[in-house]
C-alpha atoms as a PDB file:
ATOM      1  CA  UNK A   1      27.302  25.885-112.772  1.00  0.00           C
ATOM      2  CA  UNK A   2      30.162  23.369-113.191  1.00  0.00           C
ATOM      3  CA  UNK A   3      30.375  22.804-109.447  1.00  0.00           C
ATOM      4  CA  UNK A   4      26.599  22.475-109.147  1.00  0.00           C
ATOM      5  CA  UNK A   5      26.337  19.994-112.018  1.00  0.00           C
ATOM      6  CA  UNK A   6      29.361  17.999-110.889  1.00  0.00           C
ATOM      7  CA  UNK A   7      28.113  17.666-107.317  1.00  0.00           C
ATOM      8  CA  UNK A   8      24.565  17.052-108.512  1.00  0.00           C
ATOM      9  CA  UNK A   9      25.696  14.345-110.918  1.00  0.00           C
ATOM     10  CA  UNK A  10      27.666  12.529-108.215  1.00  0.00           C
ATOM     11  CA  UNK A  11      24.769  12.758-105.785  1.00  0.00           C
ATOM     12  CA  UNK A  12      22.331  11.376-108.360  1.00  0.00           C
ATOM     13  CA  UNK A  13      24.681   8.473-109.116  1.00  0.00           C
ATOM     14  CA  UNK A  14      25.157   7.746-105.426  1.00  0.00           C
ATOM     15  CA  UNK A  15      21.424   7.858-104.758  1.00  0.00           C
ATOM     16  CA  UNK A  16      20.713   5.581-107.709  1.00  0.00           C
ATOM     17  CA  UNK A  17      23.356   3.106-106.530  1.00  0.00           C
ATOM     18  CA  UNK A  18      21.957   3.148-103.001  1.00  0.00           C
ATOM     19  CA  UNK A  19      18.423   2.440-104.220  1.00  0.00           C
ATOM     20  CA  UNK A  20      19.025   0.133-107.186  1.00  0.00           C
ATOM     21  CA  UNK A  21      21.930  -2.002-106.058  1.00  0.00           C
ATOM     22  CA  UNK A  22      22.472  -4.390-103.189  1.00  0.00           C
ATOM     23  CA  UNK A  23      24.590  -3.265-100.226  1.00  0.00           C
ATOM     24  CA  UNK A  24      23.520   0.375-100.655  1.00  0.00           C
ATOM     25  CA  UNK A  25      25.978   0.799-103.509  1.00  0.00           C
ATOM     26  CA  UNK A  26      28.946  -0.451-101.467  1.00  0.00           C
ATOM     27  CA  UNK A  27      31.202  -3.284-102.589  1.00  0.00           C
ATOM     28  CA  UNK A  28      29.956  -6.646-101.344  1.00  0.00           C
ATOM     29  CA  UNK A  29      32.415  -8.121 -98.866  1.00  0.00           C
ATOM     30  CA  UNK A  30      33.104 -11.791 -98.249  1.00  0.00           C
ATOM     31  CA  UNK A  31      33.577 -13.071 -94.711  1.00  0.00           C
ATOM     32  CA  UNK A  32      35.157 -16.249 -93.407  1.00  0.00           C
ATOM     33  CA  UNK A  33      35.262 -17.268 -89.762  1.00  0.00           C
ATOM     34  CA  UNK A  34      33.671 -13.960 -88.779  1.00  0.00           C
ATOM     35  CA  UNK A  35      36.183 -11.685 -90.489  1.00  0.00           C
ATOM     36  CA  UNK A  36      36.182  -9.896 -93.828  1.00  0.00           C
ATOM     37  CA  UNK A  37      38.619 -11.595 -96.213  1.00  0.00           C
ATOM     38  CA  UNK A  38      37.981  -9.578 -99.353  1.00  0.00           C
ATOM     39  CA  UNK A  39      35.585  -7.925-101.723  1.00  0.00           C
ATOM     40  CA  UNK A  40      33.523 -10.237-103.894  1.00  0.00           C
ATOM     41  CA  UNK A  41      34.003  -8.045-106.939  1.00  0.00           C
ATOM     42  CA  UNK A  42      37.783  -7.524-106.727  1.00  0.00           C
ATOM     43  CA  UNK A  43      40.212 -10.268-107.713  1.00  0.00           C
ATOM     44  CA  UNK A  44      42.881 -11.502-105.331  1.00  0.00           C
ATOM     45  CA  UNK A  45      46.081 -13.396-105.914  1.00  0.00           C
ATOM     46  CA  UNK A  46      46.127 -17.081-105.014  1.00  0.00           C
ATOM     47  CA  UNK A  47      49.336 -18.989-105.732  1.00  0.00           C
ATOM     48  CA  UNK A  48      49.149 -21.999-103.416  1.00  0.00           C
ATOM     49  CA  UNK A  49      48.400 -25.309-105.183  1.00  0.00           C
ATOM     50  CA  UNK A  50      45.555 -25.940-102.694  1.00  0.00           C
ATOM     51  CA  UNK A  51      43.534 -23.055-104.124  1.00  0.00           C
ATOM     52  CA  UNK A  52      41.985 -22.110-107.422  1.00  0.00           C
ATOM     53  CA  UNK A  53      43.841 -19.337-109.184  1.00  0.00           C
ATOM     54  CA  UNK A  54      42.242 -16.306-110.799  1.00  0.00           C
ATOM     55  CA  UNK A  55      43.279 -14.310-113.812  1.00  0.00           C
ATOM     56  CA  UNK A  56      46.681 -12.641-113.808  1.00  0.00           C
ATOM     57  CA  UNK A  57      46.709  -8.948-112.956  1.00  0.00           C
ATOM     58  CA  UNK A  58      48.689  -6.207-114.661  1.00  0.00           C
ATOM     59  CA  UNK A  59      48.321  -4.090-111.477  1.00  0.00           C
ATOM     60  CA  UNK A  60      49.171  -6.763-108.887  1.00  0.00           C
ATOM     61  CA  UNK A  61      45.525  -6.867-107.747  1.00  0.00           C
ATOM     62  CA  UNK A  62      45.719  -3.290-106.441  1.00  0.00           C
ATOM     63  CA  UNK A  63      42.117  -2.130-106.191  1.00  0.00           C
ATOM     64  CA  UNK A  64      43.079   1.530-106.057  1.00  0.00           C
ATOM     65  CA  UNK A  65      44.864   1.412-109.386  1.00  0.00           C
ATOM     66  CA  UNK A  66      42.935  -0.819-111.729  1.00  0.00           C
ATOM     67  CA  UNK A  67      43.968  -1.033-115.344  1.00  0.00           C
ATOM     68  CA  UNK A  68      45.577  -3.129-118.002  1.00  0.00           C
ATOM     69  CA  UNK A  69      49.137  -3.133-119.187  1.00  0.00           C
ATOM     70  CA  UNK A  70      48.264  -1.207-122.370  1.00  0.00           C
ATOM     71  CA  UNK A  71      50.646  -3.474-124.276  1.00  0.00           C
ATOM     72  CA  UNK A  72      49.418  -4.607-127.663  1.00  0.00           C
ATOM     73  CA  UNK A  73      49.122  -8.264-128.595  1.00  0.00           C
ATOM     74  CA  UNK A  74      52.215  -7.974-130.801  1.00  0.00           C
ATOM     75  CA  UNK A  75      54.374  -6.271-128.159  1.00  0.00           C
ATOM     76  CA  UNK A  76      57.438  -8.453-127.530  1.00  0.00           C
ATOM     77  CA  UNK A  77      57.435  -7.782-123.785  1.00  0.00           C
ATOM     78  CA  UNK A  78      53.750  -8.713-123.540  1.00  0.00           C
ATOM     79  CA  UNK A  79      54.282 -11.893-125.547  1.00  0.00           C
ATOM     80  CA  UNK A  80      57.184 -12.874-123.273  1.00  0.00           C
ATOM     81  CA  UNK A  81      54.995 -12.314-120.178  1.00  0.00           C
ATOM     82  CA  UNK A  82      52.200 -14.456-121.593  1.00  0.00           C
ATOM     83  CA  UNK A  83      54.655 -17.166-122.641  1.00  0.00           C
ATOM     84  CA  UNK A  84      56.092 -17.256-119.108  1.00  0.00           C
ATOM     85  CA  UNK A  85      52.585 -17.505-117.654  1.00  0.00           C
ATOM     86  CA  UNK A  86      51.795 -20.403-120.012  1.00  0.00           C
ATOM     87  CA  UNK A  87      54.971 -22.219-118.943  1.00  0.00           C
ATOM     88  CA  UNK A  88      54.207 -21.615-115.252  1.00  0.00           C
ATOM     89  CA  UNK A  89      50.612 -22.803-115.670  1.00  0.00           C
ATOM     90  CA  UNK A  90      51.735 -25.954-117.504  1.00  0.00           C
ATOM     91  CA  UNK A  91      54.326 -26.662-114.808  1.00  0.00           C
ATOM     92  CA  UNK A  92      51.557 -26.598-112.177  1.00  0.00           C
ATOM     93  CA  UNK A  93      49.185 -28.568-114.426  1.00  0.00           C
ATOM     94  CA  UNK A  94      51.380 -31.177-116.175  1.00  0.00           C
ATOM     95  CA  UNK A  95      48.311 -33.132-117.263  1.00  0.00           C
ATOM     96  CA  UNK A  96      47.337 -30.316-119.669  1.00  0.00           C
ATOM     97  CA  UNK A  97      48.622 -29.718-123.158  1.00  0.00           C
ATOM     98  CA  UNK A  98      49.494 -26.217-124.293  1.00  0.00           C
ATOM     99  CA  UNK A  99      46.270 -26.022-126.321  1.00  0.00           C
ATOM    100  CA  UNK A 100      44.165 -26.838-123.238  1.00  0.00           C
ATOM    101  CA  UNK A 101      45.355 -23.826-121.233  1.00  0.00           C
ATOM    102  CA  UNK A 102      42.463 -21.323-121.177  1.00  0.00           C
ATOM    103  CA  UNK A 103      43.643 -17.937-122.463  1.00  0.00           C
ATOM    104  CA  UNK A 104      42.041 -16.194-119.475  1.00  0.00           C
ATOM    105  CA  UNK A 105      44.443 -17.994-117.138  1.00  0.00           C
ATOM    106  CA  UNK A 106      47.508 -16.478-118.824  1.00  0.00           C
ATOM    107  CA  UNK A 107      46.286 -13.039-119.934  1.00  0.00           C
ATOM    108  CA  UNK A 108      45.403 -10.153-117.642  1.00  0.00           C
ATOM    109  CA  UNK A 109      42.041  -8.463-117.972  1.00  0.00           C
ATOM    110  CA  UNK A 110      41.472  -4.828-118.836  1.00  0.00           C
ATOM    111  CA  UNK A 111      40.896  -3.924-115.182  1.00  0.00           C
ATOM    112  CA  UNK A 112      43.463  -6.282-113.732  1.00  0.00           C
ATOM    113  CA  UNK A 113      40.959  -7.067-110.980  1.00  0.00           C
ATOM    114  CA  UNK A 114      38.638  -9.737-112.369  1.00  0.00           C
ATOM    115  CA  UNK A 115      37.225 -11.712-109.447  1.00  0.00           C
ATOM    116  CA  UNK A 116      35.779 -14.426-111.692  1.00  0.00           C
ATOM    117  CA  UNK A 117      36.989 -17.089-114.060  1.00  0.00           C
ATOM    118  CA  UNK A 118      35.025 -19.165-116.536  1.00  0.00           C
ATOM    119  CA  UNK A 119      33.857 -22.661-115.591  1.00  0.00           C
ATOM    120  CA  UNK A 120      36.503 -23.937-118.043  1.00  0.00           C
ATOM    121  CA  UNK A 121      39.199 -21.961-116.196  1.00  0.00           C
ATOM    122  CA  UNK A 122      38.103 -23.660-112.973  1.00  0.00           C
ATOM    123  CA  UNK A 123      37.676 -27.100-114.540  1.00  0.00           C
ATOM    124  CA  UNK A 124      41.305 -27.330-115.688  1.00  0.00           C
ATOM    125  CA  UNK A 125      42.410 -26.664-112.092  1.00  0.00           C
ATOM    126  CA  UNK A 126      40.163 -29.258-110.415  1.00  0.00           C
ATOM    127  CA  UNK A 127      42.704 -32.077-110.674  1.00  0.00           C
ATOM    128  CA  UNK A 128      45.547 -29.999-109.183  1.00  0.00           C
ATOM    129  CA  UNK A 129      43.428 -28.718-106.278  1.00  0.00           C
ATOM    130  CA  UNK A 130      41.940 -32.154-105.560  1.00  0.00           C
ATOM    131  CA  UNK A 131      45.380 -33.784-105.495  1.00  0.00           C
ATOM    132  CA  UNK A 132      46.856 -31.056-103.284  1.00  0.00           C
ATOM    133  CA  UNK A 133      44.017 -31.425-100.797  1.00  0.00           C
ATOM    134  CA  UNK A 134      43.691 -35.197-100.986  1.00  0.00           C
ATOM    135  CA  UNK A 135      40.093 -34.900-102.173  1.00  0.00           C
ATOM    136  CA  UNK A 136      38.188 -36.809-104.815  1.00  0.00           C
ATOM    137  CA  UNK A 137      38.067 -34.873-108.099  1.00  0.00           C
ATOM    138  CA  UNK A 138      34.312 -35.410-108.269  1.00  0.00           C
ATOM    139  CA  UNK A 139      33.845 -33.616-104.940  1.00  0.00           C
ATOM    140  CA  UNK A 140      35.878 -30.620-106.100  1.00  0.00           C
ATOM    141  CA  UNK A 141      34.123 -30.599-109.496  1.00  0.00           C
ATOM    142  CA  UNK A 142      30.726 -30.631-107.738  1.00  0.00           C
ATOM    143  CA  UNK A 143      31.824 -27.673-105.636  1.00  0.00           C
ATOM    144  CA  UNK A 144      32.790 -25.755-108.786  1.00  0.00           C
ATOM    145  CA  UNK A 145      29.457 -26.636-110.400  1.00  0.00           C
ATOM    146  CA  UNK A 146      27.486 -25.521-107.341  1.00  0.00           C
ATOM    147  CA  UNK A 147      29.253 -22.131-107.316  1.00  0.00           C
ATOM    148  CA  UNK A 148      29.012 -21.491-111.055  1.00  0.00           C
ATOM    149  CA  UNK A 149      26.879 -18.419-111.640  1.00  0.00           C
ATOM    150  CA  UNK A 150      24.622 -18.784-114.659  1.00  0.00           C
ATOM    151  CA  UNK A 151      23.514 -15.953-116.976  1.00  0.00           C
ATOM    152  CA  UNK A 152      20.628 -13.893-115.633  1.00  0.00           C
ATOM    153  CA  UNK A 153      17.367 -15.262-117.088  1.00  0.00           C
ATOM    154  CA  UNK A 154      19.556 -17.624-119.081  1.00  0.00           C
ATOM    155  CA  UNK A 155      20.281 -14.796-121.520  1.00  0.00           C
ATOM    156  CA  UNK A 156      22.272 -11.956-120.019  1.00  0.00           C
ATOM    157  CA  UNK A 157      25.914 -12.420-119.108  1.00  0.00           C
ATOM    158  CA  UNK A 158      28.169 -15.435-119.133  1.00  0.00           C
ATOM    159  CA  UNK A 159      28.801 -18.355-116.830  1.00  0.00           C
ATOM    160  CA  UNK A 160      31.414 -17.538-114.232  1.00  0.00           C
ATOM    161  CA  UNK A 161      32.924 -18.710-110.970  1.00  0.00           C
ATOM    162  CA  UNK A 162      33.991 -16.290-108.239  1.00  0.00           C
ATOM    163  CA  UNK A 163      37.475 -17.430-107.221  1.00  0.00           C
ATOM    164  CA  UNK A 164      37.390 -16.029-103.668  1.00  0.00           C
ATOM    165  CA  UNK A 165      34.041 -17.653-102.880  1.00  0.00           C
ATOM    166  CA  UNK A 166      35.221 -20.933-104.394  1.00  0.00           C
ATOM    167  CA  UNK A 167      38.364 -20.946-102.260  1.00  0.00           C
ATOM    168  CA  UNK A 168      36.376 -20.119 -99.130  1.00  0.00           C
ATOM    169  CA  UNK A 169      34.039 -23.009 -99.920  1.00  0.00           C
ATOM    170  CA  UNK A 170      37.109 -25.257-100.171  1.00  0.00           C
ATOM    171  CA  UNK A 171      38.247 -24.100 -96.736  1.00  0.00           C
ATOM    172  CA  UNK A 172      34.804 -24.802 -95.277  1.00  0.00           C
ATOM    173  CA  UNK A 173      34.803 -28.223 -96.917  1.00  0.00           C
ATOM    174  CA  UNK A 174      38.259 -29.112 -95.651  1.00  0.00           C
ATOM    175  CA  UNK A 175      39.672 -26.645 -93.107  1.00  0.00           C
ATOM    176  CA  UNK A 176      43.286 -26.562 -91.978  1.00  0.00           C
ATOM    177  CA  UNK A 177      44.699 -28.578 -94.856  1.00  0.00           C
ATOM    178  CA  UNK A 178      48.448 -29.039 -94.696  1.00  0.00           C
ATOM    179  CA  UNK A 179      50.629 -29.949 -97.637  1.00  0.00           C
ATOM    180  CA  UNK A 180      52.888 -32.941 -97.613  1.00  0.00           C
ATOM    181  CA  UNK A 181      56.446 -31.776 -98.128  1.00  0.00           C
ATOM    182  CA  UNK A 182      58.542 -34.116-100.229  1.00  0.00           C
END
């Protein structure tokens, strides 16, 4: 009976996912220049100043091992990690004060794989990305606004920006950008 119910349960879930969700229940992939560059619902690490950065990951963005650090908010090691992330974020964004750093940009999520950031998390990075690419801040801000996903029916969910899709849109806007080395 256990085997029957276990297999039956999995089959029912799979069938429901295939019927009720897009992509037949498979993860939606994102393509660029004809090749798959990632999954839209799994975060990736971006560290270059030309790109928007996502949330930190406690699992190094490993999709097969999602999870948080399980460290409490008073854990000294956790606090040191967050403090280092704040310092690193401020070093890359010297125009921000400590209070302006969105908490999501320095704390890992429960899954460690969040593909999205809030519009505020993207907004504080606009200046850095625009300067690195030699673009007008208004152009980059408009791109962020155009890719901001609004709550369904204006009620369900929160506003969010998919980091991978935003960075691909940047590449389409200005391909083959090279940094000036000083």
